[in-house]
Protein backbone atom coordinates (compact mmCIF):
# COMPACT_ATOMS: atom_id res chain seq x y z
CA MET A 1 22.04 -18.77 -12.50
CA LYS A 2 22.78 -17.26 -9.48
CA LYS A 3 21.02 -14.33 -10.52
CA MET A 4 18.11 -16.11 -11.04
CA ILE A 5 18.06 -17.73 -7.74
CA LEU A 6 18.80 -14.36 -6.28
CA ILE A 7 15.48 -12.19 -8.27
CA PHE A 8 13.58 -15.63 -7.50
CA THR A 9 15.07 -15.02 -3.50
CA LEU A 10 13.71 -10.98 -4.13
CA ALA A 11 10.21 -11.98 -5.65
CA ILE A 12 9.30 -14.02 -2.95
CA CYS A 13 10.08 -12.23 0.35
CA PHE A 14 8.18 -9.37 -1.66
CA THR A 15 5.31 -11.56 -1.75
CA VAL A 16 5.25 -12.82 1.80
CA PHE A 17 6.76 -9.37 3.01
CA PHE A 18 3.45 -6.56 0.78
CA SER A 19 1.21 -9.79 1.87
CA ALA A 20 1.50 -9.42 5.41
CA CYS A 21 0.61 -5.61 5.10
CA GLY A 22 -2.86 -5.22 5.07
CA ASP A 23 -4.41 -3.37 7.37
CA GLY A 24 -7.57 -5.81 8.17
CA THR A 25 -11.22 -6.99 7.15
CA GLN A 26 -13.56 -4.61 8.31
CA VAL A 27 -16.37 -6.99 9.89
CA ASN A 28 -18.88 -4.02 10.44
CA THR A 29 -19.41 -0.72 9.77
CA ARG A 30 -22.69 2.01 10.99
CA GLU A 31 -23.97 4.90 11.96
CA MET A 32 -24.70 6.04 14.52
CA THR A 33 -25.57 9.24 16.84
CA LEU A 34 -23.12 10.22 20.37
CA PHE A 35 -23.89 13.17 22.38
CA VAL A 36 -20.85 13.98 23.03
CA GLY A 37 -20.06 16.12 26.61
CA PRO A 38 -18.17 19.83 27.28
CA HIS A 39 -15.22 18.19 29.16
CA GLN A 40 -12.72 15.23 29.45
CA VAL A 41 -11.77 13.24 31.64
CA ASP A 42 -8.46 11.25 33.23
CA CYS A 43 -8.74 7.43 32.41
CA THR A 44 -6.21 5.07 30.87
CA GLY A 45 -7.75 3.75 27.93
CA GLY A 46 -7.76 6.96 25.69
CA PRO A 47 -5.51 8.69 24.42
CA GLN A 48 -2.79 11.61 26.86
CA GLY A 49 -4.39 9.36 28.98
CA LYS A 50 -7.69 11.20 28.63
CA CYS A 51 -10.90 9.94 27.32
CA PHE A 52 -14.15 12.14 26.47
CA GLN A 53 -17.49 11.79 27.63
CA VAL A 54 -20.42 10.19 26.31
CA LYS A 55 -24.43 9.13 25.59
CA TYR A 56 -25.55 7.33 23.25
CA SER A 57 -28.90 8.72 23.44
CA ALA A 58 -30.75 11.61 23.93
CA GLU A 59 -32.40 10.00 27.22
CA ASP A 60 -29.06 8.35 28.34
CA SER A 61 -28.32 10.11 31.81
CA GLU A 62 -25.35 9.54 33.37
CA TRP A 63 -22.55 9.66 30.63
CA VAL A 64 -19.48 7.34 30.27
CA ASN A 65 -16.44 7.19 29.39
CA PHE A 66 -15.00 7.39 25.76
CA GLY A 67 -11.61 6.29 25.36
CA ASN A 68 -11.37 6.24 21.30
CA VAL A 69 -10.60 8.77 19.00
CA ILE A 70 -13.38 10.20 16.72
CA GLN A 71 -11.52 11.06 13.20
CA GLY A 72 -12.38 14.20 11.86
CA PHE A 73 -13.60 15.43 15.08
CA GLU A 74 -12.42 18.39 17.08
CA TRP A 75 -13.40 19.14 20.09
CA GLU A 76 -13.98 21.98 21.93
CA GLU A 77 -14.02 23.34 26.06
CA GLY A 78 -17.29 23.88 27.39
CA TYR A 79 -19.62 22.59 24.76
CA GLU A 80 -21.74 19.81 24.32
CA TYR A 81 -22.55 18.14 21.05
CA GLU A 82 -24.52 16.22 19.32
CA LEU A 83 -22.16 14.05 16.34
CA ILE A 84 -23.50 11.19 13.93
CA VAL A 85 -20.28 8.77 13.27
CA LYS A 86 -19.33 5.53 10.94
CA PHE A 87 -18.54 2.82 13.37
CA ILE A 88 -16.69 0.50 12.13
CA GLU A 89 -15.61 -2.58 13.32
CA THR A 90 -11.59 -4.20 11.50
CA ARG A 91 -10.29 -7.30 12.24
CA PRO A 92 -6.73 -7.73 12.08
CA LYS A 93 -5.63 -10.77 9.68
CA ASN A 94 -4.53 -13.50 12.08
CA TYR A 95 -6.13 -12.42 15.22
CA ASP A 96 -9.50 -13.21 17.33
CA TYR A 97 -10.45 -9.33 18.33
CA ILE A 98 -11.82 -6.64 16.15
CA ILE A 99 -10.28 -3.33 17.26
CA PRO A 100 -13.16 -0.44 16.42
CA SER A 101 -13.07 3.15 14.78
CA PHE A 102 -14.80 6.23 14.97
CA GLU A 103 -15.18 8.41 12.51
CA LEU A 104 -17.41 11.63 11.90
CA ILE A 105 -19.78 12.09 9.84
CA GLU A 106 -21.59 15.27 10.84
CA VAL A 107 -21.82 17.74 14.03
CA LEU A 108 -25.92 17.92 14.14
CA GLU A 109 -25.65 20.44 17.37
CA LYS A 110 -23.17 22.59 19.74
CA THR A 111 -24.61 23.90 22.42
CA LYS A 112 -22.06 26.25 24.58
CA ILE A 113 -22.50 24.87 28.43
CA GLU A 114 -22.11 27.37 31.32
């Protein structure tokens, strides 16, 4: 009888543990173009305290700080990039906020800046 109770308890523990391990629910996915500048800047929101400078269209006149990682993108100092990225919004289970993430789809252009 004790063995049955132990097995039943372990089964419940495994069920609760694995059901709580989900990454979250994908809310929205879309492709977008990003223009990435030739230099990184110091910022508090980015990885290792650095941010990319980006524009969301070629007509934008000013660069804005971008503190996210673009998965699959290997940035090189001194080059401007035109990228197609997948923008993914994920909502963690039982939370009201959304986590944005970016994945590289294609590098359309890489231009050396003097």
